[in-house]
């Protein structure tokens, strides 16, 4: 059974709200509540993007930043405990469609 994109979106929005709340009440740079909210947000985004692709053949224009350059290492080569934190940095210039 495939994931419902509407439910995945609701979960993603909830994760965004939790991340905002955790960030607003953060207690230091390595606050475990913020880190957990960050990880949950990344997981919820991936679940929504996967559900959208499976249901409609569409994807968001977003990607999870892993901190790795294409030349440095392949993300699949990292162990879970060595994984670089994921951060969204926006689209690359070649991904932008500016033809209006």
C-alpha atoms as a PDB file:
ATOM      1  CA  UNK A   1       0.000   0.000   0.000  1.00  0.00           C
ATOM      2  CA  UNK A   2       1.396   3.391  -0.978  1.00  0.00           C
ATOM      3  CA  UNK A   3       1.681   6.338   1.372  1.00  0.00           C
ATOM      4  CA  UNK A   4      -1.011   9.012   1.141  1.00  0.00           C
ATOM      5  CA  UNK A   5       0.622  12.286   0.021  1.00  0.00           C
ATOM      6  CA  UNK A   6      -1.949  14.337   1.951  1.00  0.00           C
ATOM      7  CA  UNK A   7      -1.123  12.523   5.199  1.00  0.00           C
ATOM      8  CA  UNK A   8       2.600  12.790   4.470  1.00  0.00           C
ATOM      9  CA  UNK A   9       2.155  16.540   3.882  1.00  0.00           C
ATOM     10  CA  UNK A  10       0.290  16.936   7.188  1.00  0.00           C
ATOM     11  CA  UNK A  11       3.128  15.107   8.963  1.00  0.00           C
ATOM     12  CA  UNK A  12       5.681  17.320   7.188  1.00  0.00           C
ATOM     13  CA  UNK A  13       3.865  20.515   8.220  1.00  0.00           C
ATOM     14  CA  UNK A  14       3.668  19.285  11.815  1.00  0.00           C
ATOM     15  CA  UNK A  15       7.406  18.566  11.728  1.00  0.00           C
ATOM     16  CA  UNK A  16       8.037  22.105  10.435  1.00  0.00           C
ATOM     17  CA  UNK A  17       6.024  23.530  13.326  1.00  0.00           C
ATOM     18  CA  UNK A  18       7.860  21.375  15.885  1.00  0.00           C
ATOM     19  CA  UNK A  19      11.207  22.424  14.441  1.00  0.00           C
ATOM     20  CA  UNK A  20      10.203  26.083  14.683  1.00  0.00           C
ATOM     21  CA  UNK A  21       9.129  25.660  18.311  1.00  0.00           C
ATOM     22  CA  UNK A  22      12.329  23.808  19.203  1.00  0.00           C
ATOM     23  CA  UNK A  23      14.467  26.413  17.449  1.00  0.00           C
ATOM     24  CA  UNK A  24      12.694  29.290  19.190  1.00  0.00           C
ATOM     25  CA  UNK A  25      13.354  27.774  22.617  1.00  0.00           C
ATOM     26  CA  UNK A  26      16.795  26.368  21.857  1.00  0.00           C
ATOM     27  CA  UNK A  27      19.252  25.963  24.733  1.00  0.00           C
ATOM     28  CA  UNK A  28      22.633  26.165  23.102  1.00  0.00           C
ATOM     29  CA  UNK A  29      24.169  25.138  19.824  1.00  0.00           C
ATOM     30  CA  UNK A  30      23.835  21.373  20.374  1.00  0.00           C
ATOM     31  CA  UNK A  31      20.369  21.343  21.939  1.00  0.00           C
ATOM     32  CA  UNK A  32      19.157  17.720  21.652  1.00  0.00           C
ATOM     33  CA  UNK A  33      15.537  18.867  21.231  1.00  0.00           C
ATOM     34  CA  UNK A  34      16.476  20.951  18.180  1.00  0.00           C
ATOM     35  CA  UNK A  35      18.619  18.161  16.760  1.00  0.00           C
ATOM     36  CA  UNK A  36      15.763  15.666  17.145  1.00  0.00           C
ATOM     37  CA  UNK A  37      13.294  18.103  15.557  1.00  0.00           C
ATOM     38  CA  UNK A  38      15.757  18.670  12.709  1.00  0.00           C
ATOM     39  CA  UNK A  39      16.086  14.937  12.059  1.00  0.00           C
ATOM     40  CA  UNK A  40      12.307  14.440  12.262  1.00  0.00           C
ATOM     41  CA  UNK A  41      11.788  17.295   9.797  1.00  0.00           C
ATOM     42  CA  UNK A  42      14.252  15.799   7.308  1.00  0.00           C
ATOM     43  CA  UNK A  43      12.570  12.382   7.612  1.00  0.00           C
ATOM     44  CA  UNK A  44       9.085  13.897   7.191  1.00  0.00           C
ATOM     45  CA  UNK A  45      10.215  15.818   4.113  1.00  0.00           C
ATOM     46  CA  UNK A  46      11.670  12.683   2.521  1.00  0.00           C
ATOM     47  CA  UNK A  47       8.468  10.746   3.269  1.00  0.00           C
ATOM     48  CA  UNK A  48       6.349  13.495   1.677  1.00  0.00           C
ATOM     49  CA  UNK A  49       8.596  13.736  -1.383  1.00  0.00           C
ATOM     50  CA  UNK A  50       8.514   9.941  -1.811  1.00  0.00           C
ATOM     51  CA  UNK A  51       4.710   9.807  -1.411  1.00  0.00           C
ATOM     52  CA  UNK A  52       4.273  12.618  -3.931  1.00  0.00           C
ATOM     53  CA  UNK A  53       6.502  10.837  -6.431  1.00  0.00           C
ATOM     54  CA  UNK A  54       4.783   7.497  -5.957  1.00  0.00           C
ATOM     55  CA  UNK A  55       1.243   8.884  -6.181  1.00  0.00           C
ATOM     56  CA  UNK A  56       1.625  11.510  -8.902  1.00  0.00           C
ATOM     57  CA  UNK A  57       5.062  11.130 -10.455  1.00  0.00           C
ATOM     58  CA  UNK A  58       5.995  14.581  -9.117  1.00  0.00           C
ATOM     59  CA  UNK A  59       8.694  15.823  -6.771  1.00  0.00           C
ATOM     60  CA  UNK A  60       9.334  18.986  -4.799  1.00  0.00           C
ATOM     61  CA  UNK A  61      12.147  21.286  -5.958  1.00  0.00           C
ATOM     62  CA  UNK A  62      13.817  20.753  -2.559  1.00  0.00           C
ATOM     63  CA  UNK A  63      16.672  18.529  -1.475  1.00  0.00           C
ATOM     64  CA  UNK A  64      18.262  17.654   1.863  1.00  0.00           C
ATOM     65  CA  UNK A  65      21.760  19.100   2.185  1.00  0.00           C
ATOM     66  CA  UNK A  66      24.220  16.572   3.583  1.00  0.00           C
ATOM     67  CA  UNK A  67      27.280  18.799   3.735  1.00  0.00           C
ATOM     68  CA  UNK A  68      29.103  16.748   1.132  1.00  0.00           C
ATOM     69  CA  UNK A  69      30.435  18.010  -2.171  1.00  0.00           C
ATOM     70  CA  UNK A  70      29.980  15.707  -5.145  1.00  0.00           C
ATOM     71  CA  UNK A  71      33.762  15.463  -5.508  1.00  0.00           C
ATOM     72  CA  UNK A  72      34.425  14.696  -1.830  1.00  0.00           C
ATOM     73  CA  UNK A  73      32.444  11.600  -0.897  1.00  0.00           C
ATOM     74  CA  UNK A  74      29.351   9.747  -1.893  1.00  0.00           C
ATOM     75  CA  UNK A  75      26.639   9.996   0.781  1.00  0.00           C
ATOM     76  CA  UNK A  76      26.118   6.227   0.641  1.00  0.00           C
ATOM     77  CA  UNK A  77      29.677   5.681   1.884  1.00  0.00           C
ATOM     78  CA  UNK A  78      28.919   7.215   5.294  1.00  0.00           C
ATOM     79  CA  UNK A  79      28.093   5.171   8.366  1.00  0.00           C
ATOM     80  CA  UNK A  80      25.071   6.304  10.401  1.00  0.00           C
ATOM     81  CA  UNK A  81      27.250   7.579  13.242  1.00  0.00           C
ATOM     82  CA  UNK A  82      29.490   9.478  10.801  1.00  0.00           C
ATOM     83  CA  UNK A  83      26.664  11.084   8.845  1.00  0.00           C
ATOM     84  CA  UNK A  84      26.982  14.809   8.297  1.00  0.00           C
ATOM     85  CA  UNK A  85      23.940  16.818   9.431  1.00  0.00           C
ATOM     86  CA  UNK A  86      21.488  17.530   6.634  1.00  0.00           C
ATOM     87  CA  UNK A  87      20.556  21.113   5.822  1.00  0.00           C
ATOM     88  CA  UNK A  88      18.425  22.587   3.045  1.00  0.00           C
ATOM     89  CA  UNK A  89      20.347  25.186   1.068  1.00  0.00           C
ATOM     90  CA  UNK A  90      17.970  25.877  -1.794  1.00  0.00           C
ATOM     91  CA  UNK A  91      18.201  25.095  -5.451  1.00  0.00           C
ATOM     92  CA  UNK A  92      21.395  25.111  -7.464  1.00  0.00           C
ATOM     93  CA  UNK A  93      21.509  27.723 -10.230  1.00  0.00           C
ATOM     94  CA  UNK A  94      21.111  25.054 -12.921  1.00  0.00           C
ATOM     95  CA  UNK A  95      17.920  23.826 -11.212  1.00  0.00           C
ATOM     96  CA  UNK A  96      16.220  27.218 -11.451  1.00  0.00           C
ATOM     97  CA  UNK A  97      13.837  27.868 -14.337  1.00  0.00           C
ATOM     98  CA  UNK A  98      13.824  31.632 -14.856  1.00  0.00           C
ATOM     99  CA  UNK A  99      12.095  31.632 -18.258  1.00  0.00           C
ATOM    100  CA  UNK A 100       8.816  33.485 -17.737  1.00  0.00           C
END
